[in-house]
Structure formats: structure tokens, C-alpha cells
Amino acid sequence: MSGARSLMVALEKEGANIVFGLPGGANLPIYDELYKSNIRHILVRHEQSASHMADGFGRVSRRPGVCFATSGPGATNIVTGIATAQADSSPMIAITGQVPTKMIGRDAFQESDIIGISNPIVKYAFQPMTAAEVPEVVKKAFYISSTGRPGPVLIDIPKDVQQNEAEITFPSEVKIRGYHPWVDPDIREIERAIDMLLASEKPVILAGGGVIISGAFAELQSIAELLMIPVVTTFKGKGAFPENHPLSLGPIGMHGHAEANKIMVEADCVLACGSRFSDRSVGTFEEFEKNLKIIHMDVDPAEIGKNQTTHIAVVRRHKGLP
């Protein structure tokens, strides 16, 4: 089986039934096999559109959106969409064609180091060098993209790898050494967080996009109603809490509601759920955290304390993720 054919089979096994892309010289073998598969293809006029479509698909379905691009300018055209997916924790698989393996690093026609270019904005970047590697790479890519904090993964496939034949096996599961996307919460930190909320006089809940990604709508509403704590949201968190609810004050920040910003300024304790405390939400970081105790709950340990001083950290797997 060719590398391109094994790619199509592997994508189908992962449940990918639609891809967005544009053919070019370095990914034509992939398109030849795509034509024979049951995967629906949405043809774009520019690769950037394909990457944004894949991002949008991932946001809505919570399954990795898949986009195709050729090498060189085709690959660099999808960088903006990849960066957007990374910033907003959207699962995406970007699959690019590349010059043949013997030409890599020789400044071949339409060669670009898309692995190096994309490394800062992807969870991981793969470049299989044999056709036999393709199914395992696809399996790992979907697993990495959709676990922990979701995000984009790049697969860069040289043209000869797409064309070459090999004995192909499709793994039913993969184990990635050193990748541990789930962190069990520290019960003691949860108890401390509860005590801090109960002891505060003006607590507020800040709901971010992580609540929507995890599907923790009922849990958020339950704790807000149990403790009678008002809820504000980031712009990415809009919809995490019913805006017609008596405890809802809407979004905060430079484009938020006046009443939401007022209660945020007056609060003495905030429970932040799946929020990165961006400048659009909190404004001046130093002013925001004055006289404010912060309980930060997030699936990504890297977000804890990044923008604001965190008094209690709860790193945990959000409800609803695989």
C-alpha cells in the first residue's frame, strides 16, 4: 500500500469524513487517493481558507479539523490558521506535501521548512520519512490534537513517501513517551479553593473558553447557584453561562459590560475556569490583581500564573474531553 493510500485509510479510521484543501505538485499523490476514498473534500481558492475552515470545524465538532496544502507557499499559507487554532485551543490536523526526501535541505523548488516554521504554534510536528510510518503518525497526531489542551498538529509528508509502497499496519492505540495530557487534581488544593471562596465577601466566577471546550456548562451553573456567586465571562467564554440567568453579568474587558467590569473590580476573590487572563479581558495585569485572590482552574499547567498571580491552582482534566 502506498503512503498516500495509507493516509486516507488512517484518516477514515480516525473518523475524518471531510477535509479542506488545495492540490499542488507536492501533494498530488494524496489527492489521487482522496478521489478514491469516501472522504468529502472542500476545495478552496487559497490555503489559508482551508486552515480557517479546519479550525472552524474543530471548534464546532470538537473533533480535529483536517486541511491539506502543498509544499512551499502552500504550506506557509496555512500558518495563520494554525496559529489561530493554537491560540484558541482548537483541534486541527494540518497535512502538507513536501519535496522528496533526497531533496530536503537542498533549496529545492517550492521547499520550505514548514516543520521549523510551525514548531512554535503546534502541539507537535511530524515528518514521516517512510510510507510505513504514516498510519502511526496519523494516530499520534489525532491523539495529541484532541487530548489535554486541544490544538493543531502538523504532518509534513515528502512526495516520495506518499508514492512509495510498504507493508502497512494500522495501530489500534498509541503510547507517546513523555506525553501525559491528563493531570489528576490535588484534592487539598480543591479544599483550599472552597475555603477561600466561602471566606470571601465578594467572590466572582470568571468563565473562559475552557468551559465551552470541556462542556462543563451544568457544573458551572451548579456551583454558581450553590454558592450564589455572580458569573462573568471572557469573550471566548460567551455562552458558557446562560446570559438570562440572574447571576449572569456578561463579558468583561474592554468590550465587555459595565456592570461586569464593575463587579470584577470590586471582587476580593475570583474563581477563573478555563481562562488565560488575556489583556482583552483584564486590561492592565498589575491593576487587575490588586487586592484580588485568584483561584485558577485550567487543563494546561502552562497557563497557571502566566499572566496573573495565582493563589490557588487547580490543574485538571475538564469534563467532556476524551
Protein backbone atom coordinates (compact mmCIF):
# COMPACT_ATOMS: atom_id res chain seq x y z
CA MET A 1 0.00 0.00 0.00
CA SER A 2 1.31 3.46 -0.83
CA GLY A 3 1.91 6.13 1.77
CA ALA A 4 -0.85 8.28 0.27
CA ARG A 5 -3.34 5.41 0.34
CA SER A 6 -2.44 4.55 3.94
CA LEU A 7 -3.00 8.21 4.84
CA MET A 8 -6.56 8.08 3.51
CA VAL A 9 -7.31 4.83 5.32
CA ALA A 10 -5.82 6.17 8.55
CA LEU A 11 -7.89 9.35 8.30
CA GLU A 12 -11.06 7.33 7.77
CA LYS A 13 -10.21 5.17 10.79
CA GLU A 14 -9.94 8.34 12.88
CA GLY A 15 -13.41 9.39 11.77
CA ALA A 16 -12.32 12.17 9.42
CA ASN A 17 -15.13 12.43 6.87
CA ILE A 18 -14.34 15.88 5.48
CA VAL A 19 -11.14 17.73 4.60
CA PHE A 20 -10.45 21.24 3.35
CA GLY A 21 -7.64 21.87 0.92
CA LEU A 22 -5.99 22.81 -2.33
CA PRO A 23 -3.92 20.46 -4.50
CA GLY A 24 -0.40 21.21 -5.69
CA GLY A 25 2.58 19.41 -7.12
CA ALA A 26 3.87 18.05 -3.81
CA ASN A 27 0.58 16.58 -2.62
CA LEU A 28 -0.92 15.23 -5.86
CA PRO A 29 -0.45 11.57 -4.79
CA ILE A 30 -2.58 12.36 -1.74
CA TYR A 31 -5.28 13.86 -3.95
CA ASP A 32 -5.21 10.85 -6.26
CA GLU A 33 -6.08 8.65 -3.28
CA LEU A 34 -8.53 11.18 -1.84
CA TYR A 35 -10.53 10.87 -5.06
CA LYS A 36 -10.89 7.12 -4.41
CA SER A 37 -11.87 7.50 -0.74
CA ASN A 38 -15.17 8.26 0.97
CA ILE A 39 -13.83 11.48 2.47
CA ARG A 40 -15.59 14.64 1.31
CA HIS A 41 -13.29 17.37 0.03
CA ILE A 42 -13.99 21.10 0.18
CA LEU A 43 -11.89 22.84 -2.48
CA VAL A 44 -10.66 26.31 -1.53
CA ARG A 45 -9.09 29.08 -3.60
CA HIS A 46 -6.35 29.79 -1.05
CA GLU A 47 -4.75 27.50 1.53
CA GLN A 48 -5.35 30.00 4.32
CA SER A 49 -9.08 29.46 3.83
CA ALA A 50 -8.59 25.71 4.26
CA SER A 51 -6.80 26.20 7.57
CA HIS A 52 -9.50 28.53 8.89
CA MET A 53 -12.21 26.08 7.79
CA ALA A 54 -10.44 23.24 9.59
CA ASP A 55 -10.18 25.45 12.67
CA GLY A 56 -13.89 26.24 12.50
CA PHE A 57 -14.76 22.58 12.06
CA GLY A 58 -12.71 21.72 15.14
CA ARG A 59 -14.37 24.43 17.23
CA VAL A 60 -17.88 23.28 16.40
CA SER A 61 -17.44 19.50 16.33
CA ARG A 62 -14.67 19.24 18.97
CA ARG A 63 -13.02 16.76 16.58
CA PRO A 64 -9.82 17.67 14.75
CA GLY A 65 -10.49 19.53 11.52
CA VAL A 66 -8.23 18.43 8.66
CA CYS A 67 -6.70 20.62 5.98
CA PHE A 68 -4.41 19.83 3.04
CA ALA A 69 -1.77 22.05 1.43
CA THR A 70 1.12 21.54 -0.93
CA SER A 71 4.74 22.38 -0.13
CA GLY A 72 6.43 25.79 -0.09
CA PRO A 73 3.92 28.63 -0.49
CA GLY A 74 1.02 26.27 0.04
CA ALA A 75 2.39 25.22 3.40
CA THR A 76 3.28 28.73 4.53
CA ASN A 77 -0.20 29.94 3.56
CA ILE A 78 -1.79 27.82 6.31
CA VAL A 79 0.36 29.27 9.11
CA THR A 80 -2.20 31.92 10.14
CA GLY A 81 -4.95 29.32 10.52
CA ILE A 82 -2.65 27.07 12.54
CA ALA A 83 -1.69 29.96 14.83
CA THR A 84 -5.36 30.81 15.34
CA ALA A 85 -6.18 27.22 16.28
CA GLN A 86 -3.27 27.17 18.71
CA ALA A 87 -4.32 30.43 20.37
CA ASP A 88 -7.93 29.32 20.79
CA SER A 89 -7.29 25.64 21.67
CA SER A 90 -8.95 24.27 18.56
CA PRO A 91 -8.14 20.69 17.45
CA MET A 92 -6.68 20.62 13.94
CA ILE A 93 -4.58 18.35 11.73
CA ALA A 94 -2.68 20.20 9.00
CA ILE A 95 -1.26 17.87 6.34
CA THR A 96 1.27 19.30 3.91
CA GLY A 97 3.12 17.89 0.97
CA GLN A 98 6.89 18.23 0.89
CA VAL A 99 9.66 17.83 -1.66
CA PRO A 100 11.11 14.28 -1.96
CA THR A 101 13.26 13.14 0.96
CA LYS A 102 16.52 13.34 -1.03
CA MET A 103 15.79 16.99 -1.87
CA ILE A 104 15.02 18.19 1.67
CA GLY A 105 17.52 20.81 2.78
CA ARG A 106 18.77 21.48 -0.75
CA ASP A 107 16.61 24.52 -1.51
CA ALA A 108 14.52 22.55 -3.96
CA PHE A 109 11.67 24.12 -5.91
CA GLN A 110 8.87 25.10 -3.52
CA GLU A 111 10.69 23.71 -0.50
CA SER A 112 10.06 25.38 2.85
CA ASP A 113 10.95 24.18 6.33
CA ILE A 114 7.34 24.03 7.47
CA ILE A 115 8.37 21.88 10.45
CA GLY A 116 10.65 24.64 11.72
CA ILE A 117 8.21 27.39 10.80
CA SER A 118 5.26 25.79 12.58
CA ASN A 119 7.01 24.41 15.68
CA PRO A 120 6.15 27.44 17.88
CA ILE A 121 2.45 27.23 17.02
CA VAL A 122 1.67 23.50 17.03
CA LYS A 123 1.45 20.88 19.74
CA TYR A 124 3.70 18.69 17.62
CA ALA A 125 5.01 18.45 14.06
CA PHE A 126 5.61 15.11 12.32
CA GLN A 127 7.55 14.30 9.16
CA PRO A 128 7.33 10.59 8.29
CA MET A 129 10.29 9.51 6.17
CA THR A 130 8.85 6.15 5.07
CA ALA A 131 5.40 5.07 3.93
CA ALA A 132 5.22 2.53 6.75
CA GLU A 133 5.32 5.33 9.35
CA VAL A 134 2.27 7.17 8.06
CA PRO A 135 -0.55 5.30 9.91
CA GLU A 136 1.16 5.58 13.30
CA VAL A 137 1.91 9.25 12.72
CA VAL A 138 -1.75 9.93 11.91
CA LYS A 139 -2.88 8.03 15.02
CA LYS A 140 -0.49 10.01 17.21
CA ALA A 141 -1.47 13.29 15.58
CA PHE A 142 -5.18 12.83 16.30
CA TYR A 143 -4.45 11.75 19.87
CA ILE A 144 -2.20 14.72 20.59
CA SER A 145 -4.53 17.20 18.91
CA SER A 146 -7.61 16.16 20.88
CA THR A 147 -6.20 15.40 24.34
CA GLY A 148 -5.20 17.73 27.15
CA ARG A 149 -5.48 21.25 25.85
CA PRO A 150 -6.66 20.76 22.24
CA GLY A 151 -4.60 22.27 19.47
CA PRO A 152 -3.11 21.90 15.99
CA VAL A 153 -0.70 19.18 14.85
CA LEU A 154 1.24 19.27 11.58
CA ILE A 155 2.06 16.27 9.37
CA ASP A 156 4.56 17.07 6.60
CA ILE A 157 4.80 14.21 4.08
CA PRO A 158 7.53 14.15 1.41
CA LYS A 159 6.26 13.33 -2.08
CA ASP A 160 8.22 10.09 -2.42
CA VAL A 161 6.84 8.91 0.93
CA GLN A 162 3.35 9.44 -0.49
CA GLN A 163 4.24 7.41 -3.59
CA ASN A 164 6.32 4.59 -2.10
CA GLU A 165 4.78 1.21 -1.31
CA ALA A 166 5.24 -0.55 2.03
CA GLU A 167 3.79 -3.20 4.31
CA ILE A 168 1.27 -1.17 6.26
CA THR A 169 -0.18 -1.82 9.71
CA PHE A 170 -2.73 0.39 11.41
CA PRO A 171 -2.25 0.69 15.20
CA SER A 172 -5.36 0.46 17.37
CA GLU A 173 -3.78 2.67 20.02
CA VAL A 174 -0.60 4.61 20.57
CA LYS A 175 1.55 5.42 23.55
CA ILE A 176 3.71 8.50 23.40
CA ARG A 177 6.57 8.51 25.86
CA GLY A 178 6.74 11.74 27.80
CA TYR A 179 3.28 12.93 26.77
CA HIS A 180 0.92 12.95 29.74
CA PRO A 181 -2.07 15.13 28.85
CA TRP A 182 -4.13 14.41 31.95
CA VAL A 183 -3.21 15.66 35.40
CA ASP A 184 -5.11 14.41 38.44
CA PRO A 185 -6.25 17.35 40.59
CA ASP A 186 -4.79 17.84 44.05
CA ILE A 187 -7.72 17.33 46.42
CA ARG A 188 -6.04 19.54 49.02
CA GLU A 189 -5.96 22.43 46.56
CA ILE A 190 -9.66 21.94 45.80
CA GLU A 191 -10.44 22.05 49.52
CA ARG A 192 -8.37 25.22 49.90
CA ALA A 193 -10.22 26.77 46.97
CA ILE A 194 -13.59 26.00 48.55
CA ASP A 195 -12.48 27.51 51.85
CA MET A 196 -11.22 30.65 50.10
CA LEU A 197 -14.50 31.10 48.22
CA LEU A 198 -16.57 30.64 51.37
CA ALA A 199 -14.41 33.08 53.31
CA SER A 200 -14.55 35.82 50.68
CA GLU A 201 -17.08 38.64 50.83
CA LYS A 202 -17.33 39.50 47.14
CA PRO A 203 -16.46 36.40 45.11
CA VAL A 204 -16.98 36.20 41.36
CA ILE A 205 -16.62 33.40 38.81
CA LEU A 206 -14.77 34.14 35.58
CA ALA A 207 -15.73 31.62 32.89
CA GLY A 208 -13.42 31.31 29.88
CA GLY A 209 -13.35 29.34 26.69
CA GLY A 210 -12.17 26.25 28.55
CA VAL A 211 -15.66 25.80 29.98
CA ILE A 212 -17.11 25.63 26.48
CA ILE A 213 -14.37 23.32 25.19
CA SER A 214 -14.91 20.93 28.08
CA GLY A 215 -18.70 21.11 28.01
CA ALA A 216 -18.83 21.91 31.73
CA PHE A 217 -21.94 24.11 31.45
CA ALA A 218 -24.03 22.29 34.04
CA GLU A 219 -21.17 22.12 36.54
CA LEU A 220 -20.51 25.85 36.23
CA GLN A 221 -24.16 26.71 36.75
CA SER A 222 -24.40 24.30 39.67
CA ILE A 223 -21.54 25.84 41.64
CA ALA A 224 -22.69 29.39 40.86
CA GLU A 225 -26.19 28.65 42.14
CA LEU A 226 -24.98 26.64 45.13
CA LEU A 227 -22.75 29.46 46.39
CA MET A 228 -24.80 32.30 44.84
CA ILE A 229 -21.74 33.72 43.09
CA PRO A 230 -22.16 36.06 40.10
CA VAL A 231 -20.63 34.93 36.82
CA VAL A 232 -18.75 36.97 34.24
CA THR A 233 -17.18 35.62 31.08
CA THR A 234 -14.35 36.31 28.71
CA PHE A 235 -15.35 36.89 25.09
CA LYS A 236 -14.28 33.38 24.19
CA GLY A 237 -16.31 32.19 27.17
CA LYS A 238 -19.58 33.75 25.98
CA GLY A 239 -22.22 31.05 26.12
CA ALA A 240 -20.58 29.19 28.99
CA PHE A 241 -23.27 30.53 31.33
CA PRO A 242 -26.87 31.47 30.43
CA GLU A 243 -26.93 35.22 29.88
CA ASN A 244 -30.54 35.44 31.02
CA HIS A 245 -29.64 33.88 34.37
CA PRO A 246 -29.99 36.19 37.43
CA LEU A 247 -26.33 35.56 38.32
CA SER A 248 -25.05 36.40 34.83
CA LEU A 249 -23.35 39.73 34.21
CA GLY A 250 -21.98 39.00 30.75
CA PRO A 251 -18.48 39.53 29.38
CA ILE A 252 -15.74 41.61 31.00
CA GLY A 253 -12.93 43.57 29.42
CA MET A 254 -12.51 46.48 27.05
CA HIS A 255 -15.53 45.38 25.01
CA GLY A 256 -17.49 43.97 27.96
CA HIS A 257 -20.43 45.13 30.02
CA ALA A 258 -20.01 47.98 32.50
CA GLU A 259 -21.69 46.04 35.31
CA ALA A 260 -19.46 43.02 34.70
CA ASN A 261 -16.32 45.14 34.85
CA LYS A 262 -17.57 46.92 37.97
CA ILE A 263 -18.16 43.72 39.91
CA MET A 264 -14.81 42.37 38.73
CA VAL A 265 -13.00 45.45 40.05
CA GLU A 266 -14.81 45.24 43.40
CA ALA A 267 -14.31 41.48 43.86
CA ASP A 268 -11.99 40.12 46.54
CA CYS A 269 -11.79 36.59 45.11
CA VAL A 270 -12.16 35.18 41.59
CA LEU A 271 -12.62 31.58 40.53
CA ALA A 272 -11.26 31.52 36.98
CA CYS A 273 -12.36 28.49 34.98
CA GLY A 274 -10.57 27.87 31.69
CA SER A 275 -9.43 31.47 31.25
CA ARG A 276 -5.98 32.70 30.24
CA PHE A 277 -6.47 36.24 31.66
CA SER A 278 -5.77 37.93 28.34
CA ASP A 279 -5.25 41.68 28.09
CA ARG A 280 -8.61 41.99 26.31
CA SER A 281 -10.32 40.71 29.45
CA VAL A 282 -8.28 42.11 32.33
CA GLY A 283 -6.61 45.19 30.88
CA THR A 284 -3.53 46.14 32.91
CA PHE A 285 -2.34 42.95 34.59
CA GLU A 286 -0.94 44.66 37.71
CA GLU A 287 -4.07 46.73 38.32
CA PHE A 288 -6.37 43.75 37.81
CA GLU A 289 -4.87 41.63 40.56
CA LYS A 290 -4.69 44.32 43.23
CA ASN A 291 -6.45 43.13 46.41
CA LEU A 292 -7.72 40.10 44.50
CA LYS A 293 -7.17 36.47 45.38
CA ILE A 294 -7.17 34.25 42.32
CA ILE A 295 -8.19 30.59 42.11
CA HIS A 296 -7.17 29.42 38.66
CA MET A 297 -8.59 26.19 37.23
CA ASP A 298 -7.23 25.06 33.88
CA VAL A 299 -6.32 21.92 31.95
CA ASP A 300 -2.99 23.44 30.86
CA PRO A 301 -0.41 23.89 33.66
CA ALA A 302 1.43 26.44 31.49
CA GLU A 303 -1.47 28.88 31.88
CA ILE A 304 -1.31 28.90 35.67
CA GLY A 305 0.36 32.08 36.87
CA LYS A 306 1.38 33.13 33.35
CA ASN A 307 -0.44 36.45 33.33
CA GLN A 308 -1.71 36.82 36.90
CA THR A 309 -0.50 35.87 40.35
CA THR A 310 -2.31 32.65 41.25
CA HIS A 311 -3.05 31.95 44.91
CA ILE A 312 -4.57 28.50 44.38
CA ALA A 313 -4.07 26.40 41.26
CA VAL A 314 -6.34 23.55 40.23
CA VAL A 315 -4.95 21.75 37.19
CA ARG A 316 -7.36 19.15 36.00
CA ARG A 317 -8.93 17.40 33.06
CA HIS A 318 -12.06 19.26 32.07
CA LYS A 319 -15.34 17.45 31.70
CA GLY A 320 -16.21 16.40 28.19
CA LEU A 321 -12.75 15.96 26.70
CA PRO A 322 -11.67 12.48 25.55
